[in-house]
Amino acid sequence: MEENRYEKEIAALRNGESSELVVERADFMLFREVWMTQADKKNFVGEAQFNGRIVYRYQESS
């Protein structure tokens, strides 16, 4: 089975290796497939942009 590329990108965002993750509208379902399985999914905060683009940032829970 092929690995979803968002598994690595979500891990990089969580670990601080990247500051944001840009998800295009066409890729949202691929992103969601991985995001829904994350125990800390509430820490991924998305900011809607134009044309369905979403920029996610990781926010540590307090």
PDB file of N, CA and C in Angstrom:
ATOM      1  N   MET A   1       0.847  -1.186   0.000  1.00  0.00           N
ATOM      2  CA  MET A   1       0.000   0.000   0.000  1.00  0.00           C
ATOM      3  C   MET A   1       0.892   1.249   0.000  1.00  0.00           C
ATOM      4  N   GLU A   2       0.509   2.213  -0.777  1.00  0.00           N
ATOM      5  CA  GLU A   2       1.287   3.446  -0.899  1.00  0.00           C
ATOM      6  C   GLU A   2       1.065   4.344   0.319  1.00  0.00           C
ATOM      7  N   GLU A   3       2.151   4.916   0.813  1.00  0.00           N
ATOM      8  CA  GLU A   3       2.063   5.809   1.962  1.00  0.00           C
ATOM      9  C   GLU A   3       1.514   7.166   1.522  1.00  0.00           C
ATOM     10  N   ASN A   4       0.620   7.692   2.313  1.00  0.00           N
ATOM     11  CA  ASN A   4       0.059   9.016   2.062  1.00  0.00           C
ATOM     12  C   ASN A   4       1.137  10.051   2.408  1.00  0.00           C
ATOM     13  N   ARG A   5       1.438  10.944   1.474  1.00  0.00           N
ATOM     14  CA  ARG A   5       2.517  11.930   1.691  1.00  0.00           C
ATOM     15  C   ARG A   5       2.248  12.842   2.881  1.00  0.00           C
ATOM     16  N   TYR A   6       0.985  12.990   3.255  1.00  0.00           N
ATOM     17  CA  TYR A   6       0.662  13.869   4.372  1.00  0.00           C
ATOM     18  C   TYR A   6       1.058  13.276   5.718  1.00  0.00           C
ATOM     19  N   GLU A   7       1.328  11.977   5.784  1.00  0.00           N
ATOM     20  CA  GLU A   7       1.809  11.385   7.034  1.00  0.00           C
ATOM     21  C   GLU A   7       3.128  12.037   7.439  1.00  0.00           C
ATOM     22  N   LYS A   8       4.041  12.169   6.497  1.00  0.00           N
ATOM     23  CA  LYS A   8       5.346  12.791   6.775  1.00  0.00           C
ATOM     24  C   LYS A   8       5.204  14.289   7.006  1.00  0.00           C
ATOM     25  N   GLU A   9       4.349  14.931   6.233  1.00  0.00           N
ATOM     26  CA  GLU A   9       4.197  16.385   6.354  1.00  0.00           C
ATOM     27  C   GLU A   9       3.550  16.771   7.682  1.00  0.00           C
ATOM     28  N   ILE A  10       2.584  15.978   8.134  1.00  0.00           N
ATOM     29  CA  ILE A  10       1.949  16.232   9.429  1.00  0.00           C
ATOM     30  C   ILE A  10       2.956  16.005  10.555  1.00  0.00           C
ATOM     31  N   ALA A  11       3.746  14.945  10.448  1.00  0.00           N
ATOM     32  CA  ALA A  11       4.774  14.671  11.462  1.00  0.00           C
ATOM     33  C   ALA A  11       5.799  15.804  11.515  1.00  0.00           C
ATOM     34  N   ALA A  12       6.199  16.320  10.367  1.00  0.00           N
ATOM     35  CA  ALA A  12       7.165  17.423  10.316  1.00  0.00           C
ATOM     36  C   ALA A  12       6.586  18.679  10.957  1.00  0.00           C
ATOM     37  N   LEU A  13       5.319  18.930  10.738  1.00  0.00           N
ATOM     38  CA  LEU A  13       4.664  20.094  11.333  1.00  0.00           C
ATOM     39  C   LEU A  13       4.599  19.933  12.852  1.00  0.00           C
ATOM     40  N   ARG A  14       4.228  18.761  13.311  1.00  0.00           N
ATOM     41  CA  ARG A  14       4.138  18.481  14.745  1.00  0.00           C
ATOM     42  C   ARG A  14       5.505  18.607  15.427  1.00  0.00           C
ATOM     43  N   ASN A  15       6.550  18.125  14.776  1.00  0.00           N
ATOM     44  CA  ASN A  15       7.895  18.115  15.364  1.00  0.00           C
ATOM     45  C   ASN A  15       8.632  19.442  15.226  1.00  0.00           C
ATOM     46  N   GLY A  16       8.015  20.412  14.583  1.00  0.00           N
ATOM     47  CA  GLY A  16       8.645  21.715  14.425  1.00  0.00           C
ATOM     48  C   GLY A  16       9.628  21.792  13.273  1.00  0.00           C
ATOM     49  N   GLU A  17       9.678  20.761  12.448  1.00  0.00           N
ATOM     50  CA  GLU A  17      10.572  20.768  11.288  1.00  0.00           C
ATOM     51  C   GLU A  17      10.056  21.703  10.198  1.00  0.00           C
ATOM     52  N   SER A  18       8.754  21.978  10.218  1.00  0.00           N
ATOM     53  CA  SER A  18       8.171  22.963   9.300  1.00  0.00           C
ATOM     54  C   SER A  18       7.200  23.823  10.099  1.00  0.00           C
ATOM     55  N   SER A  19       7.000  25.046   9.658  1.00  0.00           N
ATOM     56  CA  SER A  19       6.146  25.974  10.408  1.00  0.00           C
ATOM     57  C   SER A  19       4.700  25.949   9.943  1.00  0.00           C
ATOM     58  N   GLU A  20       4.482  25.502   8.703  1.00  0.00           N
ATOM     59  CA  GLU A  20       3.116  25.435   8.188  1.00  0.00           C
ATOM     60  C   GLU A  20       3.015  24.378   7.103  1.00  0.00           C
ATOM     61  N   LEU A  21       1.779  23.968   6.877  1.00  0.00           N
ATOM     62  CA  LEU A  21       1.486  22.961   5.864  1.00  0.00           C
ATOM     63  C   LEU A  21       0.364  23.507   4.994  1.00  0.00           C
ATOM     64  N   VAL A  22       0.623  23.639   3.704  1.00  0.00           N
ATOM     65  CA  VAL A  22      -0.371  24.164   2.770  1.00  0.00           C
ATOM     66  C   VAL A  22      -1.059  22.991   2.087  1.00  0.00           C
ATOM     67  N   VAL A  23      -2.400  22.977   2.177  1.00  0.00           N
ATOM     68  CA  VAL A  23      -3.196  21.920   1.557  1.00  0.00           C
ATOM     69  C   VAL A  23      -4.091  22.561   0.502  1.00  0.00           C
ATOM     70  N   GLU A  24      -3.936  22.115  -0.720  1.00  0.00           N
ATOM     71  CA  GLU A  24      -4.774  22.613  -1.813  1.00  0.00           C
ATOM     72  C   GLU A  24      -6.119  21.891  -1.792  1.00  0.00           C
ATOM     73  N   ARG A  25      -7.124  22.517  -2.357  1.00  0.00           N
ATOM     74  CA  ARG A  25      -8.471  21.954  -2.358  1.00  0.00           C
ATOM     75  C   ARG A  25      -8.501  20.540  -2.932  1.00  0.00           C
ATOM     76  N   ALA A  26      -7.784  20.305  -3.995  1.00  0.00           N
ATOM     77  CA  ALA A  26      -7.780  18.993  -4.649  1.00  0.00           C
ATOM     78  C   ALA A  26      -7.173  17.905  -3.763  1.00  0.00           C
ATOM     79  N   ASP A  27      -6.340  18.292  -2.799  1.00  0.00           N
ATOM     80  CA  ASP A  27      -5.660  17.326  -1.937  1.00  0.00           C
ATOM     81  C   ASP A  27      -6.279  17.199  -0.552  1.00  0.00           C
ATOM     82  N   PHE A  28      -7.353  17.924  -0.289  1.00  0.00           N
ATOM     83  CA  PHE A  28      -7.894  17.953   1.068  1.00  0.00           C
ATOM     84  C   PHE A  28      -8.291  16.576   1.583  1.00  0.00           C
ATOM     85  N   MET A  29      -8.910  15.742   0.765  1.00  0.00           N
ATOM     86  CA  MET A  29      -9.345  14.429   1.237  1.00  0.00           C
ATOM     87  C   MET A  29      -8.151  13.537   1.589  1.00  0.00           C
ATOM     88  N   LEU A  30      -7.048  13.673   0.867  1.00  0.00           N
ATOM     89  CA  LEU A  30      -5.827  12.932   1.221  1.00  0.00           C
ATOM     90  C   LEU A  30      -5.311  13.393   2.586  1.00  0.00           C
ATOM     91  N   PHE A  31      -5.297  14.705   2.796  1.00  0.00           N
ATOM     92  CA  PHE A  31      -4.868  15.261   4.074  1.00  0.00           C
ATOM     93  C   PHE A  31      -5.794  14.794   5.189  1.00  0.00           C
ATOM     94  N   ARG A  32      -7.085  14.881   4.966  1.00  0.00           N
ATOM     95  CA  ARG A  32      -8.081  14.533   5.980  1.00  0.00           C
ATOM     96  C   ARG A  32      -7.967  13.078   6.410  1.00  0.00           C
ATOM     97  N   GLU A  33      -7.673  12.211   5.463  1.00  0.00           N
ATOM     98  CA  GLU A  33      -7.518  10.782   5.745  1.00  0.00           C
ATOM     99  C   GLU A  33      -6.471  10.544   6.837  1.00  0.00           C
ATOM    100  N   VAL A  34      -5.386  11.278   6.791  1.00  0.00           N
ATOM    101  CA  VAL A  34      -4.323  11.147   7.793  1.00  0.00           C
ATOM    102  C   VAL A  34      -4.667  11.952   9.041  1.00  0.00           C
ATOM    103  N   TRP A  35      -5.142  13.161   8.869  1.00  0.00           N
ATOM    104  CA  TRP A  35      -5.437  14.063   9.986  1.00  0.00           C
ATOM    105  C   TRP A  35      -6.441  13.452  10.958  1.00  0.00           C
ATOM    106  N   MET A  36      -7.453  12.776  10.443  1.00  0.00           N
ATOM    107  CA  MET A  36      -8.497  12.202  11.298  1.00  0.00           C
ATOM    108  C   MET A  36      -7.963  11.110  12.225  1.00  0.00           C
ATOM    109  N   THR A  37      -6.846  10.512  11.899  1.00  0.00           N
ATOM    110  CA  THR A  37      -6.290   9.437  12.726  1.00  0.00           C
ATOM    111  C   THR A  37      -5.343   9.951  13.808  1.00  0.00           C
ATOM    112  N   GLN A  38      -5.079  11.245  13.825  1.00  0.00           N
ATOM    113  CA  GLN A  38      -4.124  11.828  14.774  1.00  0.00           C
ATOM    114  C   GLN A  38      -4.785  12.075  16.126  1.00  0.00           C
ATOM    115  N   ALA A  39      -4.142  11.630  17.196  1.00  0.00           N
ATOM    116  CA  ALA A  39      -4.666  11.845  18.548  1.00  0.00           C
ATOM    117  C   ALA A  39      -4.710  13.335  18.896  1.00  0.00           C
ATOM    118  N   ASP A  40      -3.792  14.108  18.333  1.00  0.00           N
ATOM    119  CA  ASP A  40      -3.709  15.542  18.631  1.00  0.00           C
ATOM    120  C   ASP A  40      -4.258  16.402  17.487  1.00  0.00           C
ATOM    121  N   LYS A  41      -5.242  15.893  16.780  1.00  0.00           N
ATOM    122  CA  LYS A  41      -5.749  16.611  15.602  1.00  0.00           C
ATOM    123  C   LYS A  41      -6.275  18.006  15.925  1.00  0.00           C
ATOM    124  N   LYS A  42      -6.702  18.239  17.156  1.00  0.00           N
ATOM    125  CA  LYS A  42      -7.201  19.567  17.528  1.00  0.00           C
ATOM    126  C   LYS A  42      -6.086  20.606  17.593  1.00  0.00           C
ATOM    127  N   ASN A  43      -4.844  20.144  17.624  1.00  0.00           N
ATOM    128  CA  ASN A  43      -3.711  21.065  17.670  1.00  0.00           C
ATOM    129  C   ASN A  43      -3.333  21.597  16.292  1.00  0.00           C
ATOM    130  N   PHE A  44      -3.877  21.008  15.248  1.00  0.00           N
ATOM    131  CA  PHE A  44      -3.622  21.471  13.887  1.00  0.00           C
ATOM    132  C   PHE A  44      -4.692  22.503  13.542  1.00  0.00           C
ATOM    133  N   VAL A  45      -4.276  23.744  13.454  1.00  0.00           N
ATOM    134  CA  VAL A  45      -5.206  24.849  13.223  1.00  0.00           C
ATOM    135  C   VAL A  45      -5.095  25.286  11.769  1.00  0.00           C
ATOM    136  N   GLY A  46      -6.239  25.256  11.076  1.00  0.00           N
ATOM    137  CA  GLY A  46      -6.255  25.623   9.669  1.00  0.00           C
ATOM    138  C   GLY A  46      -6.784  27.023   9.440  1.00  0.00           C
ATOM    139  N   GLU A  47      -6.175  27.710   8.503  1.00  0.00           N
ATOM    140  CA  GLU A  47      -6.605  29.051   8.109  1.00  0.00           C
ATOM    141  C   GLU A  47      -6.986  29.000   6.635  1.00  0.00           C
ATOM    142  N   ALA A  48      -8.260  29.263   6.350  1.00  0.00           N
ATOM    143  CA  ALA A  48      -8.754  29.201   4.975  1.00  0.00           C
ATOM    144  C   ALA A  48      -8.191  30.350   4.148  1.00  0.00           C
ATOM    145  N   GLN A  49      -7.834  30.029   2.922  1.00  0.00           N
ATOM    146  CA  GLN A  49      -7.322  31.002   1.964  1.00  0.00           C
ATOM    147  C   GLN A  49      -8.265  31.016   0.752  1.00  0.00           C
ATOM    148  N   PHE A  50      -7.877  31.668  -0.300  1.00  0.00           N
ATOM    149  CA  PHE A  50      -8.667  31.707  -1.526  1.00  0.00           C
ATOM    150  C   PHE A  50      -8.593  30.379  -2.269  1.00  0.00           C
ATOM    151  N   ASN A  51      -9.627  30.096  -3.047  1.00  0.00           N
ATOM    152  CA  ASN A  51      -9.688  28.922  -3.923  1.00  0.00           C
ATOM    153  C   ASN A  51      -9.539  27.594  -3.194  1.00  0.00           C
ATOM    154  N   GLY A  52      -9.989  27.522  -1.953  1.00  0.00           N
ATOM    155  CA  GLY A  52      -9.981  26.264  -1.226  1.00  0.00           C
ATOM    156  C   GLY A  52      -8.668  25.877  -0.582  1.00  0.00           C
ATOM    157  N   ARG A  53      -7.684  26.723  -0.656  1.00  0.00           N
ATOM    158  CA  ARG A  53      -6.378  26.447  -0.030  1.00  0.00           C
ATOM    159  C   ARG A  53      -6.501  26.651   1.478  1.00  0.00           C
ATOM    160  N   ILE A  54      -5.883  25.749   2.248  1.00  0.00           N
ATOM    161  CA  ILE A  54      -5.874  25.860   3.705  1.00  0.00           C
ATOM    162  C   ILE A  54      -4.428  25.788   4.180  1.00  0.00           C
ATOM    163  N   VAL A  55      -4.065  26.707   5.066  1.00  0.00           N
ATOM    164  CA  VAL A  55      -2.732  26.707   5.660  1.00  0.00           C
ATOM    165  C   VAL A  55      -2.884  26.226   7.100  1.00  0.00           C
ATOM    166  N   TYR A  56      -2.233  25.105   7.408  1.00  0.00           N
ATOM    167  CA  TYR A  56      -2.285  24.534   8.751  1.00  0.00           C
ATOM    168  C   TYR A  56      -1.015  24.871   9.511  1.00  0.00           C
ATOM    169  N   ARG A  57      -1.198  25.175  10.792  1.00  0.00           N
ATOM    170  CA  ARG A  57      -0.086  25.389  11.715  1.00  0.00           C
ATOM    171  C   ARG A  57      -0.355  24.525  12.944  1.00  0.00           C
ATOM    172  N   TYR A  58       0.707  24.143  13.621  1.00  0.00           N
ATOM    173  CA  TYR A  58       0.553  23.314  14.816  1.00  0.00           C
ATOM    174  C   TYR A  58       0.631  24.197  16.044  1.00  0.00           C
ATOM    175  N   GLN A  59      -0.354  24.046  16.918  1.00  0.00           N
ATOM    176  CA  GLN A  59      -0.425  24.839  18.138  1.00  0.00           C
ATOM    177  C   GLN A  59      -0.368  23.883  19.325  1.00  0.00           C
ATOM    178  N   GLU A  60       0.673  23.987  20.123  1.00  0.00           N
ATOM    179  CA  GLU A  60       0.795  23.135  21.309  1.00  0.00           C
ATOM    180  C   GLU A  60      -0.388  23.391  22.236  1.00  0.00           C
ATOM    181  N   SER A  61      -0.929  22.322  22.814  1.00  0.00           N
ATOM    182  CA  SER A  61      -2.029  22.509  23.763  1.00  0.00           C
ATOM    183  C   SER A  61      -1.461  23.036  25.071  1.00  0.00           C
ATOM    184  N   SER A  62      -2.239  23.872  25.731  1.00  0.00           N
ATOM    185  CA  SER A  62      -1.744  24.496  26.966  1.00  0.00           C
ATOM    186  C   SER A  62      -2.239  23.787  28.192  1.00  0.00           C
TER     187      SER A  62
END
